[in-house]
PDB file of N, CA and C in Angstrom:
ATOM      1  N   UNK A   1     -31.780 128.485 -53.325  1.00  0.00           N
ATOM      2  CA  UNK A   1     -31.460 127.123 -52.970  1.00  0.00           C
ATOM      3  C   UNK A   1     -30.947 126.402 -54.217  1.00  0.00           C
ATOM      4  N   UNK A   2     -29.937 125.635 -54.039  1.00  0.00           N
ATOM      5  CA  UNK A   2     -29.319 124.919 -55.151  1.00  0.00           C
ATOM      6  C   UNK A   2     -30.232 123.786 -55.625  1.00  0.00           C
ATOM      7  N   UNK A   3     -30.098 123.416 -56.900  1.00  0.00           N
ATOM      8  CA  UNK A   3     -30.939 122.368 -57.488  1.00  0.00           C
ATOM      9  C   UNK A   3     -30.734 121.009 -56.819  1.00  0.00           C
ATOM     10  N   UNK A   4     -29.520 120.725 -56.356  1.00  0.00           N
ATOM     11  CA  UNK A   4     -29.286 119.406 -55.764  1.00  0.00           C
ATOM     12  C   UNK A   4     -30.084 119.224 -54.469  1.00  0.00           C
ATOM     13  N   UNK A   5     -30.344 120.297 -53.720  1.00  0.00           N
ATOM     14  CA  UNK A   5     -31.133 120.188 -52.506  1.00  0.00           C
ATOM     15  C   UNK A   5     -32.599 119.921 -52.812  1.00  0.00           C
ATOM     16  N   UNK A   6     -33.066 120.344 -53.948  1.00  0.00           N
ATOM     17  CA  UNK A   6     -34.448 120.095 -54.343  1.00  0.00           C
ATOM     18  C   UNK A   6     -34.699 118.591 -54.449  1.00  0.00           C
ATOM     19  N   UNK A   7     -33.701 117.823 -54.827  1.00  0.00           N
ATOM     20  CA  UNK A   7     -33.838 116.375 -54.956  1.00  0.00           C
ATOM     21  C   UNK A   7     -33.536 115.644 -53.640  1.00  0.00           C
ATOM     22  N   UNK A   8     -32.644 116.184 -52.846  1.00  0.00           N
ATOM     23  CA  UNK A   8     -32.238 115.521 -51.606  1.00  0.00           C
ATOM     24  C   UNK A   8     -33.296 115.660 -50.512  1.00  0.00           C
ATOM     25  N   UNK A   9     -33.902 116.814 -50.390  1.00  0.00           N
ATOM     26  CA  UNK A   9     -34.877 117.054 -49.324  1.00  0.00           C
ATOM     27  C   UNK A   9     -36.055 116.078 -49.401  1.00  0.00           C
ATOM     28  N   UNK A  10     -36.673 115.835 -50.554  1.00  0.00           N
ATOM     29  CA  UNK A  10     -37.758 114.846 -50.586  1.00  0.00           C
ATOM     30  C   UNK A  10     -37.294 113.445 -50.185  1.00  0.00           C
ATOM     31  N   UNK A  11     -36.069 113.088 -50.543  1.00  0.00           N
ATOM     32  CA  UNK A  11     -35.543 111.777 -50.151  1.00  0.00           C
ATOM     33  C   UNK A  11     -35.387 111.673 -48.636  1.00  0.00           C
ATOM     34  N   UNK A  12     -34.906 112.730 -48.022  1.00  0.00           N
ATOM     35  CA  UNK A  12     -34.758 112.733 -46.561  1.00  0.00           C
ATOM     36  C   UNK A  12     -36.123 112.627 -45.891  1.00  0.00           C
ATOM     37  N   UNK A  13     -37.084 113.392 -46.374  1.00  0.00           N
ATOM     38  CA  UNK A  13     -38.440 113.344 -45.806  1.00  0.00           C
ATOM     39  C   UNK A  13     -39.030 111.945 -45.970  1.00  0.00           C
ATOM     40  N   UNK A  14     -38.852 111.333 -47.132  1.00  0.00           N
ATOM     41  CA  UNK A  14     -39.351 109.974 -47.368  1.00  0.00           C
ATOM     42  C   UNK A  14     -38.704 109.004 -46.391  1.00  0.00           C
ATOM     43  N   UNK A  15     -37.388 109.080 -46.234  1.00  0.00           N
ATOM     44  CA  UNK A  15     -36.670 108.183 -45.338  1.00  0.00           C
ATOM     45  C   UNK A  15     -37.157 108.334 -43.903  1.00  0.00           C
ATOM     46  N   UNK A  16     -37.294 109.563 -43.428  1.00  0.00           N
ATOM     47  CA  UNK A  16     -37.731 109.796 -42.054  1.00  0.00           C
ATOM     48  C   UNK A  16     -39.139 109.277 -41.818  1.00  0.00           C
ATOM     49  N   UNK A  17     -39.990 109.338 -42.817  1.00  0.00           N
ATOM     50  CA  UNK A  17     -41.350 108.838 -42.677  1.00  0.00           C
ATOM     51  C   UNK A  17     -41.431 107.317 -42.743  1.00  0.00           C
ATOM     52  N   UNK A  18     -40.447 106.642 -43.319  1.00  0.00           N
ATOM     53  CA  UNK A  18     -40.498 105.186 -43.435  1.00  0.00           C
ATOM     54  C   UNK A  18     -39.781 104.477 -42.296  1.00  0.00           C
ATOM     55  N   UNK A  19     -38.979 105.174 -41.514  1.00  0.00           N
ATOM     56  CA  UNK A  19     -38.267 104.537 -40.405  1.00  0.00           C
ATOM     57  C   UNK A  19     -39.253 103.894 -39.439  1.00  0.00           C
ATOM     58  N   UNK A  20     -40.346 104.572 -39.123  1.00  0.00           N
ATOM     59  CA  UNK A  20     -41.359 104.033 -38.221  1.00  0.00           C
ATOM     60  C   UNK A  20     -41.968 102.742 -38.765  1.00  0.00           C
ATOM     61  N   UNK A  21     -42.211 102.687 -40.052  1.00  0.00           N
ATOM     62  CA  UNK A  21     -42.799 101.502 -40.677  1.00  0.00           C
ATOM     63  C   UNK A  21     -41.868 100.309 -40.521  1.00  0.00           C
ATOM     64  N   UNK A  22     -40.569 100.490 -40.769  1.00  0.00           N
ATOM     65  CA  UNK A  22     -39.613  99.394 -40.650  1.00  0.00           C
ATOM     66  C   UNK A  22     -39.487  98.944 -39.193  1.00  0.00           C
ATOM     67  N   UNK A  23     -39.469  99.872 -38.241  1.00  0.00           N
ATOM     68  CA  UNK A  23     -39.341  99.523 -36.831  1.00  0.00           C
ATOM     69  C   UNK A  23     -40.535  98.703 -36.373  1.00  0.00           C
ATOM     70  N   UNK A  24     -41.712  99.100 -36.774  1.00  0.00           N
ATOM     71  CA  UNK A  24     -42.903  98.362 -36.373  1.00  0.00           C
ATOM     72  C   UNK A  24     -42.901  96.974 -36.998  1.00  0.00           C
ATOM     73  N   UNK A  25     -42.468  96.866 -38.225  1.00  0.00           N
ATOM     74  CA  UNK A  25     -42.411  95.576 -38.870  1.00  0.00           C
ATOM     75  C   UNK A  25     -41.427  94.660 -38.141  1.00  0.00           C
ATOM     76  N   UNK A  26     -40.291  95.192 -37.706  1.00  0.00           N
ATOM     77  CA  UNK A  26     -39.309  94.407 -36.958  1.00  0.00           C
ATOM     78  C   UNK A  26     -39.909  93.937 -35.632  1.00  0.00           C
ATOM     79  N   UNK A  27     -40.655  94.796 -34.958  1.00  0.00           N
ATOM     80  CA  UNK A  27     -41.308  94.423 -33.708  1.00  0.00           C
ATOM     81  C   UNK A  27     -42.315  93.300 -33.937  1.00  0.00           C
ATOM     82  N   UNK A  28     -43.067  93.397 -35.009  1.00  0.00           N
ATOM     83  CA  UNK A  28     -44.045  92.360 -35.329  1.00  0.00           C
ATOM     84  C   UNK A  28     -43.356  91.031 -35.620  1.00  0.00           C
ATOM     85  N   UNK A  29     -42.260  91.091 -36.352  1.00  0.00           N
ATOM     86  CA  UNK A  29     -41.507  89.875 -36.666  1.00  0.00           C
ATOM     87  C   UNK A  29     -40.989  89.245 -35.381  1.00  0.00           C
ATOM     88  N   UNK A  30     -40.424  90.054 -34.512  1.00  0.00           N
ATOM     89  CA  UNK A  30     -39.879  89.541 -33.255  1.00  0.00           C
ATOM     90  C   UNK A  30     -40.970  88.898 -32.403  1.00  0.00           C
ATOM     91  N   UNK A  31     -42.082  89.589 -32.228  1.00  0.00           N
ATOM     92  CA  UNK A  31     -43.131  89.049 -31.358  1.00  0.00           C
ATOM     93  C   UNK A  31     -43.749  87.783 -31.935  1.00  0.00           C
ATOM     94  N   UNK A  32     -43.827  87.666 -33.247  1.00  0.00           N
ATOM     95  CA  UNK A  32     -44.392  86.457 -33.829  1.00  0.00           C
ATOM     96  C   UNK A  32     -43.415  85.281 -33.799  1.00  0.00           C
ATOM     97  N   UNK A  33     -42.128  85.555 -33.631  1.00  0.00           N
ATOM     98  CA  UNK A  33     -41.143  84.474 -33.625  1.00  0.00           C
ATOM     99  C   UNK A  33     -40.783  83.997 -32.215  1.00  0.00           C
ATOM    100  N   UNK A  34     -41.175  84.717 -31.178  1.00  0.00           N
ATOM    101  CA  UNK A  34     -40.799  84.336 -29.816  1.00  0.00           C
ATOM    102  C   UNK A  34     -41.274  82.940 -29.440  1.00  0.00           C
ATOM    103  N   UNK A  35     -42.457  82.535 -29.872  1.00  0.00           N
ATOM    104  CA  UNK A  35     -42.970  81.215 -29.484  1.00  0.00           C
ATOM    105  C   UNK A  35     -42.177  80.075 -30.116  1.00  0.00           C
ATOM    106  N   UNK A  36     -41.365  80.374 -31.118  1.00  0.00           N
ATOM    107  CA  UNK A  36     -40.540  79.366 -31.786  1.00  0.00           C
ATOM    108  C   UNK A  36     -39.057  79.516 -31.474  1.00  0.00           C
ATOM    109  N   UNK A  37     -38.709  80.479 -30.624  1.00  0.00           N
ATOM    110  CA  UNK A  37     -37.322  80.763 -30.290  1.00  0.00           C
ATOM    111  C   UNK A  37     -37.031  80.249 -28.882  1.00  0.00           C
ATOM    112  N   UNK A  38     -35.899  79.569 -28.738  1.00  0.00           N
ATOM    113  CA  UNK A  38     -35.617  78.873 -27.487  1.00  0.00           C
ATOM    114  C   UNK A  38     -34.275  79.270 -26.887  1.00  0.00           C
ATOM    115  N   UNK A  39     -34.213  79.202 -25.568  1.00  0.00           N
ATOM    116  CA  UNK A  39     -32.965  79.275 -24.831  1.00  0.00           C
ATOM    117  C   UNK A  39     -32.577  77.837 -24.526  1.00  0.00           C
ATOM    118  N   UNK A  40     -31.353  77.448 -24.846  1.00  0.00           N
ATOM    119  CA  UNK A  40     -30.869  76.106 -24.545  1.00  0.00           C
ATOM    120  C   UNK A  40     -29.869  76.185 -23.402  1.00  0.00           C
ATOM    121  N   UNK A  41     -30.061  75.360 -22.390  1.00  0.00           N
ATOM    122  CA  UNK A  41     -29.162  75.283 -21.251  1.00  0.00           C
ATOM    123  C   UNK A  41     -28.606  73.867 -21.226  1.00  0.00           C
ATOM    124  N   UNK A  42     -27.298  73.756 -21.366  1.00  0.00           N
ATOM    125  CA  UNK A  42     -26.644  72.455 -21.372  1.00  0.00           C
ATOM    126  C   UNK A  42     -25.951  72.242 -20.033  1.00  0.00           C
ATOM    127  N   UNK A  43     -25.932  70.962 -19.589  1.00  0.00           N
ATOM    128  CA  UNK A  43     -25.387  70.638 -18.280  1.00  0.00           C
ATOM    129  C   UNK A  43     -24.402  69.475 -18.371  1.00  0.00           C
ATOM    130  N   UNK A  44     -23.541  69.391 -17.359  1.00  0.00           N
ATOM    131  CA  UNK A  44     -22.645  68.240 -17.270  1.00  0.00           C
ATOM    132  C   UNK A  44     -23.361  67.115 -16.518  1.00  0.00           C
ATOM    133  N   UNK A  45     -22.659  66.016 -16.248  1.00  0.00           N
ATOM    134  CA  UNK A  45     -23.281  64.864 -15.595  1.00  0.00           C
ATOM    135  C   UNK A  45     -23.710  65.148 -14.159  1.00  0.00           C
ATOM    136  N   UNK A  46     -23.187  66.220 -13.561  1.00  0.00           N
ATOM    137  CA  UNK A  46     -23.577  66.616 -12.195  1.00  0.00           C
ATOM    138  C   UNK A  46     -24.708  67.634 -12.183  1.00  0.00           C
ATOM    139  N   UNK A  47     -25.226  67.976 -13.345  1.00  0.00           N
ATOM    140  CA  UNK A  47     -26.312  68.947 -13.425  1.00  0.00           C
ATOM    141  C   UNK A  47     -25.853  70.387 -13.392  1.00  0.00           C
ATOM    142  N   UNK A  48     -24.551  70.609 -13.539  1.00  0.00           N
ATOM    143  CA  UNK A  48     -24.018  71.965 -13.549  1.00  0.00           C
ATOM    144  C   UNK A  48     -24.044  72.517 -14.978  1.00  0.00           C
ATOM    145  N   UNK A  49     -24.490  73.754 -15.164  1.00  0.00           N
ATOM    146  CA  UNK A  49     -24.524  74.333 -16.515  1.00  0.00           C
ATOM    147  C   UNK A  49     -23.129  74.379 -17.144  1.00  0.00           C
ATOM    148  N   UNK A  50     -23.060  73.980 -18.403  1.00  0.00           N
ATOM    149  CA  UNK A  50     -21.794  74.033 -19.139  1.00  0.00           C
ATOM    150  C   UNK A  50     -21.841  75.075 -20.249  1.00  0.00           C
ATOM    151  N   UNK A  51     -23.028  75.311 -20.795  1.00  0.00           N
ATOM    152  CA  UNK A  51     -23.144  76.331 -21.841  1.00  0.00           C
ATOM    153  C   UNK A  51     -24.592  76.769 -21.997  1.00  0.00           C
ATOM    154  N   UNK A  52     -24.738  77.952 -22.562  1.00  0.00           N
ATOM    155  CA  UNK A  52     -26.048  78.509 -22.925  1.00  0.00           C
ATOM    156  C   UNK A  52     -26.025  78.783 -24.412  1.00  0.00           C
ATOM    157  N   UNK A  53     -27.156  78.647 -25.034  1.00  0.00           N
ATOM    158  CA  UNK A  53     -27.248  78.945 -26.451  1.00  0.00           C
ATOM    159  C   UNK A  53     -28.688  79.195 -26.830  1.00  0.00           C
ATOM    160  N   UNK A  54     -28.890  79.376 -28.103  1.00  0.00           N
ATOM    161  CA  UNK A  54     -30.242  79.589 -28.591  1.00  0.00           C
ATOM    162  C   UNK A  54     -30.548  78.572 -29.684  1.00  0.00           C
ATOM    163  N   UNK A  55     -31.800  78.438 -29.969  1.00  0.00           N
ATOM    164  CA  UNK A  55     -32.237  77.551 -31.031  1.00  0.00           C
ATOM    165  C   UNK A  55     -33.605  77.987 -31.492  1.00  0.00           C
ATOM    166  N   UNK A  56     -34.085  77.348 -32.542  1.00  0.00           N
ATOM    167  CA  UNK A  56     -35.435  77.647 -32.988  1.00  0.00           C
ATOM    168  C   UNK A  56     -36.070  76.384 -33.549  1.00  0.00           C
ATOM    169  N   UNK A  57     -37.375  76.335 -33.468  1.00  0.00           N
ATOM    170  CA  UNK A  57     -38.131  75.174 -33.919  1.00  0.00           C
ATOM    171  C   UNK A  57     -38.189  75.195 -35.443  1.00  0.00           C
ATOM    172  N   UNK A  58     -37.772  74.084 -36.073  1.00  0.00           N
ATOM    173  CA  UNK A  58     -37.784  73.996 -37.534  1.00  0.00           C
ATOM    174  C   UNK A  58     -38.856  73.037 -38.037  1.00  0.00           C
ATOM    175  N   UNK A  59     -39.311  72.133 -37.186  1.00  0.00           N
ATOM    176  CA  UNK A  59     -40.383  71.193 -37.503  1.00  0.00           C
ATOM    177  C   UNK A  59     -40.960  70.729 -36.170  1.00  0.00           C
ATOM    178  N   UNK A  60     -42.025  69.984 -36.225  1.00  0.00           N
ATOM    179  CA  UNK A  60     -42.634  69.511 -34.988  1.00  0.00           C
ATOM    180  C   UNK A  60     -41.609  68.733 -34.159  1.00  0.00           C
ATOM    181  N   UNK A  61     -41.339  69.220 -32.956  1.00  0.00           N
ATOM    182  CA  UNK A  61     -40.407  68.595 -32.008  1.00  0.00           C
ATOM    183  C   UNK A  61     -38.962  68.531 -32.497  1.00  0.00           C
ATOM    184  N   UNK A  62     -38.589  69.401 -33.442  1.00  0.00           N
ATOM    185  CA  UNK A  62     -37.220  69.463 -33.954  1.00  0.00           C
ATOM    186  C   UNK A  62     -36.709  70.893 -33.802  1.00  0.00           C
ATOM    187  N   UNK A  63     -35.548  71.009 -33.130  1.00  0.00           N
ATOM    188  CA  UNK A  63     -34.939  72.311 -32.853  1.00  0.00           C
ATOM    189  C   UNK A  63     -33.578  72.381 -33.533  1.00  0.00           C
ATOM    190  N   UNK A  64     -33.292  73.489 -34.207  1.00  0.00           N
ATOM    191  CA  UNK A  64     -31.989  73.727 -34.820  1.00  0.00           C
ATOM    192  C   UNK A  64     -31.180  74.631 -33.903  1.00  0.00           C
ATOM    193  N   UNK A  65     -29.890  74.331 -33.782  1.00  0.00           N
ATOM    194  CA  UNK A  65     -28.984  75.145 -32.983  1.00  0.00           C
ATOM    195  C   UNK A  65     -27.572  74.967 -33.529  1.00  0.00           C
ATOM    196  N   UNK A  66     -26.611  75.527 -32.810  1.00  0.00           N
ATOM    197  CA  UNK A  66     -25.206  75.353 -33.155  1.00  0.00           C
ATOM    198  C   UNK A  66     -24.644  74.160 -32.401  1.00  0.00           C
ATOM    199  N   UNK A  67     -23.827  73.384 -33.073  1.00  0.00           N
ATOM    200  CA  UNK A  67     -23.232  72.198 -32.474  1.00  0.00           C
ATOM    201  C   UNK A  67     -22.379  72.546 -31.260  1.00  0.00           C
ATOM    202  N   UNK A  68     -21.645  73.655 -31.322  1.00  0.00           N
ATOM    203  CA  UNK A  68     -20.770  73.994 -30.193  1.00  0.00           C
ATOM    204  C   UNK A  68     -21.544  74.229 -28.898  1.00  0.00           C
ATOM    205  N   UNK A  69     -22.835  74.519 -28.995  1.00  0.00           N
ATOM    206  CA  UNK A  69     -23.651  74.739 -27.797  1.00  0.00           C
ATOM    207  C   UNK A  69     -23.798  73.444 -27.001  1.00  0.00           C
ATOM    208  N   UNK A  70     -23.948  72.318 -27.684  1.00  0.00           N
ATOM    209  CA  UNK A  70     -24.212  71.059 -26.984  1.00  0.00           C
ATOM    210  C   UNK A  70     -22.965  70.212 -26.738  1.00  0.00           C
ATOM    211  N   UNK A  71     -21.861  70.546 -27.387  1.00  0.00           N
ATOM    212  CA  UNK A  71     -20.645  69.742 -27.232  1.00  0.00           C
ATOM    213  C   UNK A  71     -20.186  69.692 -25.781  1.00  0.00           C
ATOM    214  N   UNK A  72     -19.693  68.528 -25.387  1.00  0.00           N
ATOM    215  CA  UNK A  72     -19.158  68.294 -24.036  1.00  0.00           C
ATOM    216  C   UNK A  72     -20.212  68.441 -22.942  1.00  0.00           C
ATOM    217  N   UNK A  73     -21.476  68.199 -23.287  1.00  0.00           N
ATOM    218  CA  UNK A  73     -22.552  68.248 -22.303  1.00  0.00           C
ATOM    219  C   UNK A  73     -23.203  66.873 -22.207  1.00  0.00           C
ATOM    220  N   UNK A  74     -23.720  66.567 -21.026  1.00  0.00           N
ATOM    221  CA  UNK A  74     -24.379  65.284 -20.810  1.00  0.00           C
ATOM    222  C   UNK A  74     -25.875  65.343 -21.091  1.00  0.00           C
ATOM    223  N   UNK A  75     -26.458  66.486 -20.840  1.00  0.00           N
ATOM    224  CA  UNK A  75     -27.901  66.658 -21.026  1.00  0.00           C
ATOM    225  C   UNK A  75     -28.198  68.146 -21.117  1.00  0.00           C
ATOM    226  N   UNK A  76     -29.468  68.442 -21.355  1.00  0.00           N
ATOM    227  CA  UNK A  76     -29.845  69.844 -21.424  1.00  0.00           C
ATOM    228  C   UNK A  76     -31.345  70.009 -21.522  1.00  0.00           C
ATOM    229  N   UNK A  77     -31.752  71.255 -21.506  1.00  0.00           N
ATOM    230  CA  UNK A  77     -33.168  71.560 -21.649  1.00  0.00           C
ATOM    231  C   UNK A  77     -33.341  72.845 -22.438  1.00  0.00           C
ATOM    232  N   UNK A  78     -34.559  73.019 -22.918  1.00  0.00           N
ATOM    233  CA  UNK A  78     -34.919  74.203 -23.704  1.00  0.00           C
ATOM    234  C   UNK A  78     -36.024  74.951 -22.971  1.00  0.00           C
ATOM    235  N   UNK A  79     -35.990  76.276 -23.105  1.00  0.00           N
ATOM    236  CA  UNK A  79     -37.057  77.118 -22.571  1.00  0.00           C
ATOM    237  C   UNK A  79     -37.524  78.037 -23.692  1.00  0.00           C
ATOM    238  N   UNK A  80     -38.821  78.149 -23.851  1.00  0.00           N
ATOM    239  CA  UNK A  80     -39.392  79.067 -24.831  1.00  0.00           C
ATOM    240  C   UNK A  80     -39.187  80.481 -24.310  1.00  0.00           C
ATOM    241  N   UNK A  81     -38.796  81.395 -25.187  1.00  0.00           N
ATOM    242  CA  UNK A  81     -38.554  82.782 -24.792  1.00  0.00           C
ATOM    243  C   UNK A  81     -39.779  83.339 -24.075  1.00  0.00           C
ATOM    244  N   UNK A  82     -39.554  83.880 -22.893  1.00  0.00           N
ATOM    245  CA  UNK A  82     -40.628  84.499 -22.117  1.00  0.00           C
ATOM    246  C   UNK A  82     -41.416  83.537 -21.244  1.00  0.00           C
ATOM    247  N   UNK A  83     -41.041  82.260 -21.221  1.00  0.00           N
ATOM    248  CA  UNK A  83     -41.746  81.272 -20.402  1.00  0.00           C
ATOM    249  C   UNK A  83     -40.777  80.616 -19.426  1.00  0.00           C
ATOM    250  N   UNK A  84     -41.329  80.021 -18.363  1.00  0.00           N
ATOM    251  CA  UNK A  84     -40.504  79.393 -17.331  1.00  0.00           C
ATOM    252  C   UNK A  84     -40.360  77.880 -17.493  1.00  0.00           C
ATOM    253  N   UNK A  85     -41.305  77.233 -18.161  1.00  0.00           N
ATOM    254  CA  UNK A  85     -41.295  75.775 -18.267  1.00  0.00           C
ATOM    255  C   UNK A  85     -40.061  75.276 -19.020  1.00  0.00           C
ATOM    256  N   UNK A  86     -39.500  74.168 -18.535  1.00  0.00           N
ATOM    257  CA  UNK A  86     -38.334  73.549 -19.154  1.00  0.00           C
ATOM    258  C   UNK A  86     -38.756  72.310 -19.932  1.00  0.00           C
ATOM    259  N   UNK A  87     -38.157  72.131 -21.112  1.00  0.00           N
ATOM    260  CA  UNK A  87     -38.408  70.970 -21.963  1.00  0.00           C
ATOM    261  C   UNK A  87     -37.082  70.244 -22.178  1.00  0.00           C
ATOM    262  N   UNK A  88     -37.021  68.990 -21.748  1.00  0.00           N
ATOM    263  CA  UNK A  88     -35.776  68.233 -21.858  1.00  0.00           C
ATOM    264  C   UNK A  88     -35.399  67.986 -23.316  1.00  0.00           C
ATOM    265  N   UNK A  89     -34.108  68.092 -23.592  1.00  0.00           N
ATOM    266  CA  UNK A  89     -33.582  67.721 -24.901  1.00  0.00           C
ATOM    267  C   UNK A  89     -33.496  66.201 -24.884  1.00  0.00           C
ATOM    268  N   UNK A  90     -34.240  65.560 -25.785  1.00  0.00           N
ATOM    269  CA  UNK A  90     -34.371  64.105 -25.766  1.00  0.00           C
ATOM    270  C   UNK A  90     -33.288  63.397 -26.567  1.00  0.00           C
ATOM    271  N   UNK A  91     -32.665  64.100 -27.482  1.00  0.00           N
ATOM    272  CA  UNK A  91     -31.615  63.473 -28.268  1.00  0.00           C
ATOM    273  C   UNK A  91     -31.194  64.326 -29.448  1.00  0.00           C
ATOM    274  N   UNK A  92     -30.217  63.809 -30.169  1.00  0.00           N
ATOM    275  CA  UNK A  92     -29.682  64.476 -31.358  1.00  0.00           C
ATOM    276  C   UNK A  92     -30.226  63.762 -32.590  1.00  0.00           C
ATOM    277  N   UNK A  93     -30.798  64.530 -33.503  1.00  0.00           N
ATOM    278  CA  UNK A  93     -31.360  63.974 -34.744  1.00  0.00           C
ATOM    279  C   UNK A  93     -30.326  64.020 -35.861  1.00  0.00           C
ATOM    280  N   UNK A  94     -29.579  65.116 -35.937  1.00  0.00           N
ATOM    281  CA  UNK A  94     -28.592  65.265 -37.002  1.00  0.00           C
ATOM    282  C   UNK A  94     -27.518  66.255 -36.641  1.00  0.00           C
ATOM    283  N   UNK A  95     -26.348  66.079 -37.251  1.00  0.00           N
ATOM    284  CA  UNK A  95     -25.199  66.932 -36.978  1.00  0.00           C
ATOM    285  C   UNK A  95     -24.502  67.281 -38.284  1.00  0.00           C
ATOM    286  N   UNK A  96     -24.092  68.537 -38.414  1.00  0.00           N
ATOM    287  CA  UNK A  96     -23.223  68.963 -39.511  1.00  0.00           C
ATOM    288  C   UNK A  96     -22.052  69.702 -38.865  1.00  0.00           C
ATOM    289  N   UNK A  97     -20.962  68.956 -38.621  1.00  0.00           N
ATOM    290  CA  UNK A  97     -19.801  69.540 -37.934  1.00  0.00           C
ATOM    291  C   UNK A  97     -19.187  70.685 -38.731  1.00  0.00           C
ATOM    292  N   UNK A  98     -19.146  70.541 -40.044  1.00  0.00           N
ATOM    293  CA  UNK A  98     -18.522  71.559 -40.889  1.00  0.00           C
ATOM    294  C   UNK A  98     -19.245  72.909 -40.771  1.00  0.00           C
ATOM    295  N   UNK A  99     -20.563  72.871 -40.661  1.00  0.00           N
ATOM    296  CA  UNK A  99     -21.349  74.107 -40.566  1.00  0.00           C
ATOM    297  C   UNK A  99     -21.740  74.453 -39.133  1.00  0.00           C
ATOM    298  N   UNK A 100     -21.279  73.641 -38.162  1.00  0.00           N
ATOM    299  CA  UNK A 100     -21.555  73.883 -36.748  1.00  0.00           C
ATOM    300  C   UNK A 100     -23.057  73.904 -36.462  1.00  0.00           C
ATOM    301  N   UNK A 101     -23.774  72.941 -37.041  1.00  0.00           N
ATOM    302  CA  UNK A 101     -25.221  72.870 -36.853  1.00  0.00           C
ATOM    303  C   UNK A 101     -25.623  71.545 -36.231  1.00  0.00           C
ATOM    304  N   UNK A 102     -26.720  71.574 -35.491  1.00  0.00           N
ATOM    305  CA  UNK A 102     -27.271  70.364 -34.894  1.00  0.00           C
ATOM    306  C   UNK A 102     -28.795  70.463 -34.904  1.00  0.00           C
ATOM    307  N   UNK A 103     -29.447  69.308 -35.077  1.00  0.00           N
ATOM    308  CA  UNK A 103     -30.892  69.193 -34.943  1.00  0.00           C
ATOM    309  C   UNK A 103     -31.166  68.354 -33.708  1.00  0.00           C
ATOM    310  N   UNK A 104     -32.003  68.871 -32.829  1.00  0.00           N
ATOM    311  CA  UNK A 104     -32.292  68.221 -31.555  1.00  0.00           C
ATOM    312  C   UNK A 104     -33.755  67.807 -31.475  1.00  0.00           C
ATOM    313  N   UNK A 105     -34.022  66.693 -30.797  1.00  0.00           N
ATOM    314  CA  UNK A 105     -35.402  66.285 -30.540  1.00  0.00           C
ATOM    315  C   UNK A 105     -35.814  66.860 -29.193  1.00  0.00           C
ATOM    316  N   UNK A 106     -36.844  67.689 -29.226  1.00  0.00           N
ATOM    317  CA  UNK A 106     -37.390  68.306 -28.016  1.00  0.00           C
ATOM    318  C   UNK A 106     -38.904  68.331 -28.181  1.00  0.00           C
ATOM    319  N   UNK A 107     -39.613  67.638 -27.291  1.00  0.00           N
ATOM    320  CA  UNK A 107     -41.079  67.634 -27.358  1.00  0.00           C
ATOM    321  C   UNK A 107     -41.604  68.897 -26.689  1.00  0.00           C
ATOM    322  N   UNK A 108     -42.097  69.808 -27.518  1.00  0.00           N
ATOM    323  CA  UNK A 108     -42.633  71.064 -27.007  1.00  0.00           C
ATOM    324  C   UNK A 108     -43.779  71.540 -27.885  1.00  0.00           C
ATOM    325  N   UNK A 109     -44.598  72.457 -27.356  1.00  0.00           N
ATOM    326  CA  UNK A 109     -45.800  72.890 -28.071  1.00  0.00           C
ATOM    327  C   UNK A 109     -45.584  74.026 -29.066  1.00  0.00           C
ATOM    328  N   UNK A 110     -44.359  74.351 -29.384  1.00  0.00           N
ATOM    329  CA  UNK A 110     -44.077  75.505 -30.238  1.00  0.00           C
ATOM    330  C   UNK A 110     -44.232  75.174 -31.723  1.00  0.00           C
ATOM    331  N   UNK A 111     -44.746  76.125 -32.492  1.00  0.00           N
ATOM    332  CA  UNK A 111     -44.830  75.921 -33.941  1.00  0.00           C
ATOM    333  C   UNK A 111     -43.477  76.172 -34.587  1.00  0.00           C
ATOM    334  N   UNK A 112     -43.242  75.589 -35.748  1.00  0.00           N
ATOM    335  CA  UNK A 112     -41.989  75.886 -36.471  1.00  0.00           C
ATOM    336  C   UNK A 112     -41.913  77.370 -36.817  1.00  0.00           C
ATOM    337  N   UNK A 113     -40.705  77.894 -36.793  1.00  0.00           N
ATOM    338  CA  UNK A 113     -40.461  79.279 -37.186  1.00  0.00           C
ATOM    339  C   UNK A 113     -40.610  79.394 -38.682  1.00  0.00           C
ATOM    340  N   UNK A 114     -41.378  80.366 -39.133  1.00  0.00           N
ATOM    341  CA  UNK A 114     -41.530  80.580 -40.573  1.00  0.00           C
ATOM    342  C   UNK A 114     -40.282  81.275 -41.091  1.00  0.00           C
ATOM    343  N   UNK A 115     -39.635  80.654 -42.053  1.00  0.00           N
ATOM    344  CA  UNK A 115     -38.423  81.211 -42.639  1.00  0.00           C
ATOM    345  C   UNK A 115     -38.710  81.713 -44.039  1.00  0.00           C
ATOM    346  N   UNK A 116     -37.992  82.768 -44.414  1.00  0.00           N
ATOM    347  CA  UNK A 116     -38.090  83.262 -45.778  1.00  0.00           C
ATOM    348  C   UNK A 116     -39.195  84.163 -46.067  1.00  0.00           C
TER     349      UNK A 116
END
């Protein structure tokens, strides 16, 4: 066996043994973030859906999303991932058109998403 395989084989074995660890960590991250992750449904003045998007809780009753999700809509609501209850979007707190970001006021029981 060539010398280069002596170094490559342990690396392959190490990689194959760590894939499970990374997958489980990703699952844990996902499940812990679901309570702070939202589906946003925007509607026109007739109550017809105009767009769907996502958002996440950044502070108590404050949701971050993309501005294009709410544009040209009259109202909307948020649903926590995996739940049926709807929470009305009460208003816009802040907008950054250049970065396509919006902060929305939504009274809901979700904790802020831990970032970083």
